[in-house]
Amino acid sequence: MIMNEVYLEIVELDNGEIVLRPVNADDEEPLAVLKISEATKEYLQDKYFELAKHMFTAGIDFVYSDDFIGDDIFETHDDVDRVSKIIH
């Protein structure tokens, strides 16, 4: 999959979610959504937005790395159950 060149922005919405979206795409569904708990925001104080930026950057770096196999990312697999992934 090759994406056209798009400029992205990270924005905190009024509901507290932090989203990654194309610039000027206010009405479109964001590419990614991150919700940081109030307890974590309180602990990190003003640094929680920096955390979000690093998390989104790591995701983007992964997608454009050699470790990402994304040719079939948009294929539908009806026989695969959708389950939450837990990383320990």
PDB file of N, CA and C in Angstrom:
ATOM      1  N   MET A   1       0.853  -1.179   0.000  1.00  0.00           N
ATOM      2  CA  MET A   1       0.000   0.000   0.000  1.00  0.00           C
ATOM      3  C   MET A   1       0.890   1.231   0.000  1.00  0.00           C
ATOM      4  N   ILE A   2       0.678   2.118  -0.907  1.00  0.00           N
ATOM      5  CA  ILE A   2       1.413   3.371  -0.956  1.00  0.00           C
ATOM      6  C   ILE A   2       0.422   4.499  -0.724  1.00  0.00           C
ATOM      7  N   MET A   3       0.717   5.308   0.259  1.00  0.00           N
ATOM      8  CA  MET A   3      -0.159   6.439   0.554  1.00  0.00           C
ATOM      9  C   MET A   3       0.389   7.684  -0.127  1.00  0.00           C
ATOM     10  N   ASN A   4      -0.509   8.541  -0.550  1.00  0.00           N
ATOM     11  CA  ASN A   4      -0.092   9.830  -1.062  1.00  0.00           C
ATOM     12  C   ASN A   4       0.518  10.622   0.075  1.00  0.00           C
ATOM     13  N   GLU A   5       1.331  11.605  -0.267  1.00  0.00           N
ATOM     14  CA  GLU A   5       1.930  12.443   0.765  1.00  0.00           C
ATOM     15  C   GLU A   5       0.831  13.254   1.443  1.00  0.00           C
ATOM     16  N   VAL A   6       0.745  13.112   2.741  1.00  0.00           N
ATOM     17  CA  VAL A   6      -0.275  13.789   3.527  1.00  0.00           C
ATOM     18  C   VAL A   6       0.400  14.354   4.766  1.00  0.00           C
ATOM     19  N   TYR A   7       0.047  15.576   5.110  1.00  0.00           N
ATOM     20  CA  TYR A   7       0.548  16.162   6.349  1.00  0.00           C
ATOM     21  C   TYR A   7      -0.419  15.804   7.466  1.00  0.00           C
ATOM     22  N   LEU A   8       0.141  15.328   8.573  1.00  0.00           N
ATOM     23  CA  LEU A   8      -0.671  14.888   9.697  1.00  0.00           C
ATOM     24  C   LEU A   8      -0.536  15.846  10.863  1.00  0.00           C
ATOM     25  N   GLU A   9      -1.565  15.851  11.704  1.00  0.00           N
ATOM     26  CA  GLU A   9      -1.527  16.655  12.924  1.00  0.00           C
ATOM     27  C   GLU A   9      -2.022  15.810  14.082  1.00  0.00           C
ATOM     28  N   ILE A  10      -1.545  16.147  15.265  1.00  0.00           N
ATOM     29  CA  ILE A  10      -1.996  15.516  16.495  1.00  0.00           C
ATOM     30  C   ILE A  10      -2.762  16.572  17.259  1.00  0.00           C
ATOM     31  N   VAL A  11      -4.022  16.253  17.585  1.00  0.00           N
ATOM     32  CA  VAL A  11      -4.922  17.237  18.174  1.00  0.00           C
ATOM     33  C   VAL A  11      -5.622  16.627  19.382  1.00  0.00           C
ATOM     34  N   GLU A  12      -5.752  17.405  20.455  1.00  0.00           N
ATOM     35  CA  GLU A  12      -6.567  16.980  21.585  1.00  0.00           C
ATOM     36  C   GLU A  12      -7.968  17.541  21.385  1.00  0.00           C
ATOM     37  N   LEU A  13      -8.948  16.646  21.348  1.00  0.00           N
ATOM     38  CA  LEU A  13     -10.335  17.035  21.143  1.00  0.00           C
ATOM     39  C   LEU A  13     -10.973  17.484  22.453  1.00  0.00           C
ATOM     40  N   ASP A  14     -12.121  18.121  22.354  1.00  0.00           N
ATOM     41  CA  ASP A  14     -12.840  18.595  23.538  1.00  0.00           C
ATOM     42  C   ASP A  14     -13.198  17.462  24.495  1.00  0.00           C
ATOM     43  N   ASN A  15     -13.368  16.231  23.968  1.00  0.00           N
ATOM     44  CA  ASN A  15     -13.736  15.098  24.821  1.00  0.00           C
ATOM     45  C   ASN A  15     -12.524  14.454  25.502  1.00  0.00           C
ATOM     46  N   GLY A  16     -11.331  15.003  25.284  1.00  0.00           N
ATOM     47  CA  GLY A  16     -10.123  14.503  25.926  1.00  0.00           C
ATOM     48  C   GLY A  16      -9.331  13.518  25.091  1.00  0.00           C
ATOM     49  N   GLU A  17      -9.911  13.019  24.006  1.00  0.00           N
ATOM     50  CA  GLU A  17      -9.181  12.103  23.136  1.00  0.00           C
ATOM     51  C   GLU A  17      -8.119  12.877  22.361  1.00  0.00           C
ATOM     52  N   ILE A  18      -7.026  12.200  22.099  1.00  0.00           N
ATOM     53  CA  ILE A  18      -5.958  12.784  21.281  1.00  0.00           C
ATOM     54  C   ILE A  18      -5.954  11.991  19.985  1.00  0.00           C
ATOM     55  N   VAL A  19      -6.056  12.689  18.862  1.00  0.00           N
ATOM     56  CA  VAL A  19      -6.209  12.009  17.578  1.00  0.00           C
ATOM     57  C   VAL A  19      -5.083  12.369  16.625  1.00  0.00           C
ATOM     58  N   LEU A  20      -4.813  11.429  15.746  1.00  0.00           N
ATOM     59  CA  LEU A  20      -3.905  11.636  14.623  1.00  0.00           C
ATOM     60  C   LEU A  20      -4.776  11.705  13.389  1.00  0.00           C
ATOM     61  N   ARG A  21      -4.666  12.787  12.658  1.00  0.00           N
ATOM     62  CA  ARG A  21      -5.516  12.973  11.477  1.00  0.00           C
ATOM     63  C   ARG A  21      -4.794  13.832  10.450  1.00  0.00           C
ATOM     64  N   PRO A  22      -5.256  13.751   9.187  1.00  0.00           N
ATOM     65  CA  PRO A  22      -4.708  14.653   8.185  1.00  0.00           C
ATOM     66  C   PRO A  22      -5.044  16.100   8.549  1.00  0.00           C
ATOM     67  N   VAL A  23      -4.159  17.003   8.226  1.00  0.00           N
ATOM     68  CA  VAL A  23      -4.395  18.425   8.479  1.00  0.00           C
ATOM     69  C   VAL A  23      -5.673  18.845   7.772  1.00  0.00           C
ATOM     70  N   ASN A  24      -6.466  19.677   8.422  1.00  0.00           N
ATOM     71  CA  ASN A  24      -7.731  20.203   7.895  1.00  0.00           C
ATOM     72  C   ASN A  24      -8.782  19.119   7.667  1.00  0.00           C
ATOM     73  N   ALA A  25      -8.731  18.042   8.454  1.00  0.00           N
ATOM     74  CA  ALA A  25      -9.709  16.969   8.305  1.00  0.00           C
ATOM     75  C   ALA A  25     -10.604  16.927   9.536  1.00  0.00           C
ATOM     76  N   ASP A  26     -11.113  18.079   9.934  1.00  0.00           N
ATOM     77  CA  ASP A  26     -11.894  18.187  11.159  1.00  0.00           C
ATOM     78  C   ASP A  26     -13.113  17.272  11.183  1.00  0.00           C
ATOM     79  N   ASP A  27     -13.756  17.064  10.052  1.00  0.00           N
ATOM     80  CA  ASP A  27     -15.001  16.303  10.008  1.00  0.00           C
ATOM     81  C   ASP A  27     -14.801  14.837   9.638  1.00  0.00           C
ATOM     82  N   GLU A  28     -13.577  14.435   9.336  1.00  0.00           N
ATOM     83  CA  GLU A  28     -13.318  13.055   8.945  1.00  0.00           C
ATOM     84  C   GLU A  28     -12.953  12.217  10.158  1.00  0.00           C
ATOM     85  N   GLU A  29     -13.123  10.905  10.024  1.00  0.00           N
ATOM     86  CA  GLU A  29     -12.705   9.989  11.088  1.00  0.00           C
ATOM     87  C   GLU A  29     -11.181  10.039  11.192  1.00  0.00           C
ATOM     88  N   PRO A  30     -10.641  10.166  12.410  1.00  0.00           N
ATOM     89  CA  PRO A  30      -9.186  10.234  12.561  1.00  0.00           C
ATOM     90  C   PRO A  30      -8.522   8.907  12.193  1.00  0.00           C
ATOM     91  N   LEU A  31      -7.246   8.961  11.876  1.00  0.00           N
ATOM     92  CA  LEU A  31      -6.483   7.761  11.561  1.00  0.00           C
ATOM     93  C   LEU A  31      -6.258   6.916  12.810  1.00  0.00           C
ATOM     94  N   ALA A  32      -6.074   7.575  13.946  1.00  0.00           N
ATOM     95  CA  ALA A  32      -5.860   6.878  15.214  1.00  0.00           C
ATOM     96  C   ALA A  32      -6.379   7.750  16.347  1.00  0.00           C
ATOM     97  N   VAL A  33      -6.830   7.090  17.410  1.00  0.00           N
ATOM     98  CA  VAL A  33      -7.371   7.784  18.574  1.00  0.00           C
ATOM     99  C   VAL A  33      -6.664   7.242  19.816  1.00  0.00           C
ATOM    100  N   LEU A  34      -6.259   8.138  20.693  1.00  0.00           N
ATOM    101  CA  LEU A  34      -5.601   7.760  21.942  1.00  0.00           C
ATOM    102  C   LEU A  34      -6.334   8.422  23.090  1.00  0.00           C
ATOM    103  N   LYS A  35      -6.696   7.631  24.077  1.00  0.00           N
ATOM    104  CA  LYS A  35      -7.344   8.173  25.265  1.00  0.00           C
ATOM    105  C   LYS A  35      -6.415   7.913  26.440  1.00  0.00           C
ATOM    106  N   ILE A  36      -5.997   8.971  27.076  1.00  0.00           N
ATOM    107  CA  ILE A  36      -5.131   8.883  28.242  1.00  0.00           C
ATOM    108  C   ILE A  36      -5.996   9.157  29.463  1.00  0.00           C
ATOM    109  N   SER A  37      -5.931   8.296  30.448  1.00  0.00           N
ATOM    110  CA  SER A  37      -6.776   8.440  31.626  1.00  0.00           C
ATOM    111  C   SER A  37      -6.456   9.733  32.370  1.00  0.00           C
ATOM    112  N   GLU A  38      -7.452  10.198  33.093  1.00  0.00           N
ATOM    113  CA  GLU A  38      -7.258  11.425  33.884  1.00  0.00           C
ATOM    114  C   GLU A  38      -6.163  11.237  34.926  1.00  0.00           C
ATOM    115  N   ALA A  39      -6.080  10.039  35.514  1.00  0.00           N
ATOM    116  CA  ALA A  39      -5.034   9.769  36.508  1.00  0.00           C
ATOM    117  C   ALA A  39      -3.648   9.878  35.884  1.00  0.00           C
ATOM    118  N   THR A  40      -3.502   9.376  34.664  1.00  0.00           N
ATOM    119  CA  THR A  40      -2.214   9.463  33.982  1.00  0.00           C
ATOM    120  C   THR A  40      -1.899  10.904  33.601  1.00  0.00           C
ATOM    121  N   LYS A  41      -2.903  11.631  33.125  1.00  0.00           N
ATOM    122  CA  LYS A  41      -2.697  13.048  32.801  1.00  0.00           C
ATOM    123  C   LYS A  41      -2.253  13.822  34.034  1.00  0.00           C
ATOM    124  N   GLU A  42      -2.893  13.523  35.162  1.00  0.00           N
ATOM    125  CA  GLU A  42      -2.538  14.201  36.401  1.00  0.00           C
ATOM    126  C   GLU A  42      -1.101  13.872  36.802  1.00  0.00           C
ATOM    127  N   TYR A  43      -0.721  12.611  36.667  1.00  0.00           N
ATOM    128  CA  TYR A  43       0.632  12.182  37.021  1.00  0.00           C
ATOM    129  C   TYR A  43       1.674  12.829  36.107  1.00  0.00           C
ATOM    130  N   LEU A  44       1.392  12.854  34.807  1.00  0.00           N
ATOM    131  CA  LEU A  44       2.348  13.401  33.838  1.00  0.00           C
ATOM    132  C   LEU A  44       2.291  14.921  33.726  1.00  0.00           C
ATOM    133  N   GLN A  45       1.252  15.530  34.268  1.00  0.00           N
ATOM    134  CA  GLN A  45       1.028  16.967  34.204  1.00  0.00           C
ATOM    135  C   GLN A  45       1.040  17.421  32.744  1.00  0.00           C
ATOM    136  N   ASP A  46       1.876  18.356  32.382  1.00  0.00           N
ATOM    137  CA  ASP A  46       1.881  18.885  31.014  1.00  0.00           C
ATOM    138  C   ASP A  46       2.574  17.959  30.009  1.00  0.00           C
ATOM    139  N   LYS A  47       3.138  16.865  30.469  1.00  0.00           N
ATOM    140  CA  LYS A  47       3.902  15.971  29.596  1.00  0.00           C
ATOM    141  C   LYS A  47       3.042  14.907  28.907  1.00  0.00           C
ATOM    142  N   TYR A  48       1.744  14.801  29.249  1.00  0.00           N
ATOM    143  CA  TYR A  48       0.920  13.749  28.656  1.00  0.00           C
ATOM    144  C   TYR A  48       0.788  13.921  27.140  1.00  0.00           C
ATOM    145  N   PHE A  49       0.788  15.149  26.661  1.00  0.00           N
ATOM    146  CA  PHE A  49       0.677  15.357  25.213  1.00  0.00           C
ATOM    147  C   PHE A  49       1.968  14.915  24.523  1.00  0.00           C
ATOM    148  N   GLU A  50       3.107  15.115  25.196  1.00  0.00           N
ATOM    149  CA  GLU A  50       4.389  14.623  24.663  1.00  0.00           C
ATOM    150  C   GLU A  50       4.360  13.104  24.551  1.00  0.00           C
ATOM    151  N   LEU A  51       3.779  12.445  25.556  1.00  0.00           N
ATOM    152  CA  LEU A  51       3.630  10.994  25.513  1.00  0.00           C
ATOM    153  C   LEU A  51       2.824  10.588  24.279  1.00  0.00           C
ATOM    154  N   ALA A  52       1.725  11.260  24.036  1.00  0.00           N
ATOM    155  CA  ALA A  52       0.881  10.959  22.871  1.00  0.00           C
ATOM    156  C   ALA A  52       1.663  11.147  21.576  1.00  0.00           C
ATOM    157  N   LYS A  53       2.422  12.226  21.474  1.00  0.00           N
ATOM    158  CA  LYS A  53       3.220  12.462  20.262  1.00  0.00           C
ATOM    159  C   LYS A  53       4.211  11.332  20.029  1.00  0.00           C
ATOM    160  N   HIS A  54       4.867  10.877  21.086  1.00  0.00           N
ATOM    161  CA  HIS A  54       5.836   9.783  20.947  1.00  0.00           C
ATOM    162  C   HIS A  54       5.147   8.480  20.565  1.00  0.00           C
ATOM    163  N   MET A  55       3.981   8.237  21.114  1.00  0.00           N
ATOM    164  CA  MET A  55       3.255   7.007  20.779  1.00  0.00           C
ATOM    165  C   MET A  55       2.820   7.001  19.319  1.00  0.00           C
ATOM    166  N   PHE A  56       2.288   8.115  18.836  1.00  0.00           N
ATOM    167  CA  PHE A  56       1.886   8.197  17.428  1.00  0.00           C
ATOM    168  C   PHE A  56       3.108   8.106  16.511  1.00  0.00           C
ATOM    169  N   THR A  57       4.187   8.769  16.878  1.00  0.00           N
ATOM    170  CA  THR A  57       5.409   8.725  16.071  1.00  0.00           C
ATOM    171  C   THR A  57       5.944   7.300  15.979  1.00  0.00           C
ATOM    172  N   ALA A  58       5.933   6.571  17.088  1.00  0.00           N
ATOM    173  CA  ALA A  58       6.387   5.181  17.071  1.00  0.00           C
ATOM    174  C   ALA A  58       5.515   4.343  16.139  1.00  0.00           C
ATOM    175  N   GLY A  59       4.218   4.575  16.154  1.00  0.00           N
ATOM    176  CA  GLY A  59       3.321   3.846  15.266  1.00  0.00           C
ATOM    177  C   GLY A  59       3.591   4.142  13.800  1.00  0.00           C
ATOM    178  N   ILE A  60       3.782   5.397  13.487  1.00  0.00           N
ATOM    179  CA  ILE A  60       4.081   5.789  12.101  1.00  0.00           C
ATOM    180  C   ILE A  60       5.407   5.196  11.663  1.00  0.00           C
ATOM    181  N   ASP A  61       6.414   5.259  12.531  1.00  0.00           N
ATOM    182  CA  ASP A  61       7.724   4.674  12.209  1.00  0.00           C
ATOM    183  C   ASP A  61       7.597   3.183  11.931  1.00  0.00           C
ATOM    184  N   PHE A  62       6.779   2.495  12.726  1.00  0.00           N
ATOM    185  CA  PHE A  62       6.589   1.063  12.522  1.00  0.00           C
ATOM    186  C   PHE A  62       5.942   0.773  11.168  1.00  0.00           C
ATOM    187  N   VAL A  63       4.911   1.528  10.822  1.00  0.00           N
ATOM    188  CA  VAL A  63       4.210   1.297   9.559  1.00  0.00           C
ATOM    189  C   VAL A  63       5.148   1.470   8.361  1.00  0.00           C
ATOM    190  N   TYR A  64       6.108   2.367   8.467  1.00  0.00           N
ATOM    191  CA  TYR A  64       7.038   2.596   7.360  1.00  0.00           C
ATOM    192  C   TYR A  64       8.341   1.840   7.523  1.00  0.00           C
ATOM    193  N   SER A  65       8.406   0.901   8.477  1.00  0.00           N
ATOM    194  CA  SER A  65       9.621   0.122   8.683  1.00  0.00           C
ATOM    195  C   SER A  65       9.570  -1.179   7.886  1.00  0.00           C
ATOM    196  N   ASP A  66      10.708  -1.861   7.852  1.00  0.00           N
ATOM    197  CA  ASP A  66      10.775  -3.162   7.186  1.00  0.00           C
ATOM    198  C   ASP A  66      10.050  -4.249   7.977  1.00  0.00           C
ATOM    199  N   ASP A  67       9.744  -3.997   9.246  1.00  0.00           N
ATOM    200  CA  ASP A  67       9.062  -4.982  10.084  1.00  0.00           C
ATOM    201  C   ASP A  67       7.562  -5.047   9.811  1.00  0.00           C
ATOM    202  N   PHE A  68       7.030  -4.065   9.127  1.00  0.00           N
ATOM    203  CA  PHE A  68       5.595  -3.995   8.877  1.00  0.00           C
ATOM    204  C   PHE A  68       5.267  -4.689   7.571  1.00  0.00           C
ATOM    205  N   ILE A  69       4.358  -5.630   7.634  1.00  0.00           N
ATOM    206  CA  ILE A  69       3.874  -6.302   6.421  1.00  0.00           C
ATOM    207  C   ILE A  69       2.432  -5.863   6.259  1.00  0.00           C
ATOM    208  N   GLY A  70       2.192  -4.881   5.410  1.00  0.00           N
ATOM    209  CA  GLY A  70       0.873  -4.288   5.331  1.00  0.00           C
ATOM    210  C   GLY A  70       0.189  -4.409   3.998  1.00  0.00           C
ATOM    211  N   ASP A  71       0.656  -5.292   3.127  1.00  0.00           N
ATOM    212  CA  ASP A  71       0.036  -5.401   1.803  1.00  0.00           C
ATOM    213  C   ASP A  71      -1.425  -5.814   1.881  1.00  0.00           C
ATOM    214  N   ASP A  72      -1.780  -6.624   2.874  1.00  0.00           N
ATOM    215  CA  ASP A  72      -3.161  -7.101   2.968  1.00  0.00           C
ATOM    216  C   ASP A  72      -3.900  -6.464   4.140  1.00  0.00           C
ATOM    217  N   ILE A  73      -3.467  -5.299   4.558  1.00  0.00           N
ATOM    218  CA  ILE A  73      -4.023  -4.668   5.756  1.00  0.00           C
ATOM    219  C   ILE A  73      -5.516  -4.376   5.628  1.00  0.00           C
ATOM    220  N   PHE A  74      -5.999  -4.133   4.423  1.00  0.00           N
ATOM    221  CA  PHE A  74      -7.394  -3.773   4.254  1.00  0.00           C
ATOM    222  C   PHE A  74      -8.259  -4.938   3.793  1.00  0.00           C
ATOM    223  N   GLU A  75      -7.696  -6.151   3.753  1.00  0.00           N
ATOM    224  CA  GLU A  75      -8.491  -7.318   3.409  1.00  0.00           C
ATOM    225  C   GLU A  75      -9.348  -7.711   4.592  1.00  0.00           C
ATOM    226  N   THR A  76     -10.521  -8.247   4.318  1.00  0.00           N
ATOM    227  CA  THR A  76     -11.425  -8.705   5.371  1.00  0.00           C
ATOM    228  C   THR A  76     -11.248 -10.201   5.548  1.00  0.00           C
ATOM    229  N   HIS A  77     -11.116 -10.629   6.791  1.00  0.00           N
ATOM    230  CA  HIS A  77     -10.982 -12.045   7.099  1.00  0.00           C
ATOM    231  C   HIS A  77     -12.170 -12.430   7.975  1.00  0.00           C
ATOM    232  N   ASP A  78     -13.212 -13.018   7.344  1.00  0.00           N
ATOM    233  CA  ASP A  78     -14.439 -13.354   8.060  1.00  0.00           C
ATOM    234  C   ASP A  78     -14.238 -14.460   9.087  1.00  0.00           C
ATOM    235  N   ASP A  79     -13.264 -15.352   8.863  1.00  0.00           N
ATOM    236  CA  ASP A  79     -13.077 -16.479   9.761  1.00  0.00           C
ATOM    237  C   ASP A  79     -12.211 -16.154  10.970  1.00  0.00           C
ATOM    238  N   VAL A  80     -11.741 -14.922  11.082  1.00  0.00           N
ATOM    239  CA  VAL A  80     -10.892 -14.514  12.194  1.00  0.00           C
ATOM    240  C   VAL A  80     -11.718 -13.755  13.205  1.00  0.00           C
ATOM    241  N   ASP A  81     -11.735 -14.249  14.450  1.00  0.00           N
ATOM    242  CA  ASP A  81     -12.443 -13.547  15.516  1.00  0.00           C
ATOM    243  C   ASP A  81     -11.676 -12.296  15.885  1.00  0.00           C
ATOM    244  N   ARG A  82     -12.383 -11.216  16.118  1.00  0.00           N
ATOM    245  CA  ARG A  82     -11.769  -9.967  16.571  1.00  0.00           C
ATOM    246  C   ARG A  82     -11.622 -10.035  18.092  1.00  0.00           C
ATOM    247  N   VAL A  83     -10.401 -10.026  18.583  1.00  0.00           N
ATOM    248  CA  VAL A  83     -10.157 -10.059  20.022  1.00  0.00           C
ATOM    249  C   VAL A  83      -9.187  -8.954  20.385  1.00  0.00           C
ATOM    250  N   SER A  84      -9.271  -8.528  21.630  1.00  0.00           N
ATOM    251  CA  SER A  84      -8.337  -7.530  22.112  1.00  0.00           C
ATOM    252  C   SER A  84      -6.974  -8.155  22.250  1.00  0.00           C
ATOM    253  N   LYS A  85      -5.941  -7.384  21.950  1.00  0.00           N
ATOM    254  CA  LYS A  85      -4.579  -7.843  22.110  1.00  0.00           C
ATOM    255  C   LYS A  85      -4.021  -7.241  23.375  1.00  0.00           C
ATOM    256  N   ILE A  86      -3.406  -8.074  24.175  1.00  0.00           N
ATOM    257  CA  ILE A  86      -2.824  -7.619  25.431  1.00  0.00           C
ATOM    258  C   ILE A  86      -1.317  -7.840  25.348  1.00  0.00           C
ATOM    259  N   ILE A  87      -0.576  -6.794  25.648  1.00  0.00           N
ATOM    260  CA  ILE A  87       0.874  -6.862  25.652  1.00  0.00           C
ATOM    261  C   ILE A  87       1.351  -6.762  27.094  1.00  0.00           C
ATOM    262  N   HIS A  88       2.154  -7.704  27.503  1.00  0.00           N
ATOM    263  CA  HIS A  88       2.680  -7.699  28.878  1.00  0.00           C
ATOM    264  C   HIS A  88       4.150  -7.382  28.863  1.00  0.00           C
TER     265      HIS A  88
END
